[in-house]
Amino acid sequence: MAHGPATDWGEDKASEYKAKIGIYFFIFYSIVYSIFVVINVVRPITMATIIFAGLNLAVVYGIGLIILAIIMGLIYNYMCTKKENELNAEGEVQQ
């Protein structure tokens, strides 16, 4: 009982664009995270500083990293979907 794929995916015309954007986002997030690590290594006492609503810098920065990752994921999805639709529309016109 071999079943074939449920959908026909075809060629991904936006794969190069997606890879480039993904690398840029990875580098950006790595820099932001590296700053978090450097602060913890060089000046760990700084992480105890109260920033907002009784929360220290470590908690605020950590939650900020999680929120940043979610926002970047949503932006990445939007940008890639837009590019895929654009390239697929061009392909339909040329055929």
C-alpha atoms as a PDB file:
ATOM      1  CA  MET A   1       0.000   0.000   0.000  1.00  0.00           C
ATOM      2  CA  ALA A   2       2.410   2.667  -1.158  1.00  0.00           C
ATOM      3  CA  HIS A   3       0.916   6.109  -1.282  1.00  0.00           C
ATOM      4  CA  GLY A   4       2.364   8.932  -3.297  1.00  0.00           C
ATOM      5  CA  PRO A   5       2.753  12.482  -2.069  1.00  0.00           C
ATOM      6  CA  ALA A   6      -0.453  14.290  -1.133  1.00  0.00           C
ATOM      7  CA  THR A   7       0.556  17.385  -3.097  1.00  0.00           C
ATOM      8  CA  ASP A   8       2.784  18.174  -6.049  1.00  0.00           C
ATOM      9  CA  TRP A   9       5.437  20.521  -4.736  1.00  0.00           C
ATOM     10  CA  GLY A  10       7.344  21.121  -7.937  1.00  0.00           C
ATOM     11  CA  GLU A  11      10.416  23.348  -8.125  1.00  0.00           C
ATOM     12  CA  ASP A  12      11.064  25.880  -5.367  1.00  0.00           C
ATOM     13  CA  LYS A  13      12.005  28.978  -7.333  1.00  0.00           C
ATOM     14  CA  ALA A  14      12.558  31.023  -4.178  1.00  0.00           C
ATOM     15  CA  SER A  15      14.983  28.647  -2.431  1.00  0.00           C
ATOM     16  CA  GLU A  16      18.013  30.862  -3.078  1.00  0.00           C
ATOM     17  CA  TYR A  17      16.173  33.914  -1.720  1.00  0.00           C
ATOM     18  CA  LYS A  18      14.973  31.966   1.330  1.00  0.00           C
ATOM     19  CA  ALA A  19      18.480  30.726   2.095  1.00  0.00           C
ATOM     20  CA  LYS A  20      19.943  34.236   1.841  1.00  0.00           C
ATOM     21  CA  ILE A  21      17.296  35.758   4.104  1.00  0.00           C
ATOM     22  CA  GLY A  22      17.650  32.852   6.542  1.00  0.00           C
ATOM     23  CA  ILE A  23      21.399  33.388   6.789  1.00  0.00           C
ATOM     24  CA  TYR A  24      20.950  37.132   7.421  1.00  0.00           C
ATOM     25  CA  PHE A  25      18.390  36.449  10.133  1.00  0.00           C
ATOM     26  CA  PHE A  26      20.637  33.789  11.688  1.00  0.00           C
ATOM     27  CA  ILE A  27      23.608  36.178  11.785  1.00  0.00           C
ATOM     28  CA  PHE A  28      21.490  38.968  13.292  1.00  0.00           C
ATOM     29  CA  TYR A  29      20.032  36.700  15.982  1.00  0.00           C
ATOM     30  CA  SER A  30      23.460  35.217  16.718  1.00  0.00           C
ATOM     31  CA  ILE A  31      24.855  38.706  17.328  1.00  0.00           C
ATOM     32  CA  VAL A  32      21.991  39.635  19.671  1.00  0.00           C
ATOM     33  CA  TYR A  33      22.384  36.336  21.548  1.00  0.00           C
ATOM     34  CA  SER A  34      26.175  36.716  21.681  1.00  0.00           C
ATOM     35  CA  ILE A  35      25.751  40.071  23.406  1.00  0.00           C
ATOM     36  CA  PHE A  36      23.611  38.301  26.026  1.00  0.00           C
ATOM     37  CA  VAL A  37      26.338  35.695  26.559  1.00  0.00           C
ATOM     38  CA  VAL A  38      29.125  38.313  26.697  1.00  0.00           C
ATOM     39  CA  ILE A  39      27.245  40.303  29.332  1.00  0.00           C
ATOM     40  CA  ASN A  40      26.867  37.127  31.400  1.00  0.00           C
ATOM     41  CA  VAL A  41      30.559  36.261  31.096  1.00  0.00           C
ATOM     42  CA  VAL A  42      32.133  39.713  31.459  1.00  0.00           C
ATOM     43  CA  ARG A  43      29.739  41.435  33.888  1.00  0.00           C
ATOM     44  CA  PRO A  44      27.335  38.889  35.393  1.00  0.00           C
ATOM     45  CA  ILE A  45      26.303  41.338  38.122  1.00  0.00           C
ATOM     46  CA  THR A  46      24.776  43.516  35.384  1.00  0.00           C
ATOM     47  CA  MET A  47      22.153  40.824  34.803  1.00  0.00           C
ATOM     48  CA  ALA A  48      20.825  41.454  38.328  1.00  0.00           C
ATOM     49  CA  THR A  49      19.898  45.047  37.457  1.00  0.00           C
ATOM     50  CA  ILE A  50      16.164  45.633  37.782  1.00  0.00           C
ATOM     51  CA  ILE A  51      14.839  46.794  34.416  1.00  0.00           C
ATOM     52  CA  PHE A  52      11.064  46.594  34.263  1.00  0.00           C
ATOM     53  CA  ALA A  53       8.262  45.739  36.705  1.00  0.00           C
ATOM     54  CA  GLY A  54      10.680  44.188  39.204  1.00  0.00           C
ATOM     55  CA  LEU A  55      12.256  41.939  36.566  1.00  0.00           C
ATOM     56  CA  ASN A  56      16.021  41.862  36.188  1.00  0.00           C
ATOM     57  CA  LEU A  57      17.962  42.248  32.954  1.00  0.00           C
ATOM     58  CA  ALA A  58      18.506  38.487  32.606  1.00  0.00           C
ATOM     59  CA  VAL A  59      14.761  37.770  32.570  1.00  0.00           C
ATOM     60  CA  VAL A  60      13.870  40.728  30.347  1.00  0.00           C
ATOM     61  CA  TYR A  61      16.666  39.950  27.876  1.00  0.00           C
ATOM     62  CA  GLY A  62      15.776  36.241  27.849  1.00  0.00           C
ATOM     63  CA  ILE A  63      12.101  36.902  27.184  1.00  0.00           C
ATOM     64  CA  GLY A  64      13.154  39.481  24.612  1.00  0.00           C
ATOM     65  CA  LEU A  65      15.226  36.835  22.807  1.00  0.00           C
ATOM     66  CA  ILE A  66      12.225  34.508  22.670  1.00  0.00           C
ATOM     67  CA  ILE A  67       9.932  37.260  21.394  1.00  0.00           C
ATOM     68  CA  LEU A  68      12.566  38.355  18.856  1.00  0.00           C
ATOM     69  CA  ALA A  69      12.809  34.789  17.525  1.00  0.00           C
ATOM     70  CA  ILE A  70       9.025  34.597  17.096  1.00  0.00           C
ATOM     71  CA  ILE A  71       8.861  37.986  15.361  1.00  0.00           C
ATOM     72  CA  MET A  72      11.772  37.092  13.080  1.00  0.00           C
ATOM     73  CA  GLY A  73      10.046  33.815  12.197  1.00  0.00           C
ATOM     74  CA  LEU A  74       6.859  35.653  11.257  1.00  0.00           C
ATOM     75  CA  ILE A  75       8.801  38.194   9.181  1.00  0.00           C
ATOM     76  CA  TYR A  76      10.736  35.389   7.470  1.00  0.00           C
ATOM     77  CA  ASN A  77       7.508  33.565   6.640  1.00  0.00           C
ATOM     78  CA  TYR A  78       5.923  36.750   5.254  1.00  0.00           C
ATOM     79  CA  MET A  79       8.950  37.640   3.133  1.00  0.00           C
ATOM     80  CA  CYS A  80       9.352  34.113   1.738  1.00  0.00           C
ATOM     81  CA  THR A  81       5.651  33.706   0.967  1.00  0.00           C
ATOM     82  CA  LYS A  82       5.616  37.061  -0.799  1.00  0.00           C
ATOM     83  CA  LYS A  83       8.665  36.099  -2.893  1.00  0.00           C
ATOM     84  CA  GLU A  84       7.230  32.657  -3.727  1.00  0.00           C
ATOM     85  CA  ASN A  85       3.958  34.200  -4.880  1.00  0.00           C
ATOM     86  CA  GLU A  86       5.840  36.785  -6.925  1.00  0.00           C
ATOM     87  CA  LEU A  87       8.034  34.181  -8.644  1.00  0.00           C
ATOM     88  CA  ASN A  88       5.143  31.781  -9.230  1.00  0.00           C
ATOM     89  CA  ALA A  89       3.084  34.594 -10.791  1.00  0.00           C
ATOM     90  CA  GLU A  90       5.999  35.404 -13.138  1.00  0.00           C
ATOM     91  CA  GLY A  91       6.265  31.740 -14.084  1.00  0.00           C
ATOM     92  CA  GLU A  92       2.565  31.535 -14.953  1.00  0.00           C
ATOM     93  CA  VAL A  93       2.774  34.610 -17.200  1.00  0.00           C
ATOM     94  CA  GLN A  94       5.776  33.225 -19.118  1.00  0.00           C
ATOM     95  CA  GLN A  95       4.203  29.819 -19.756  1.00  0.00           C
END
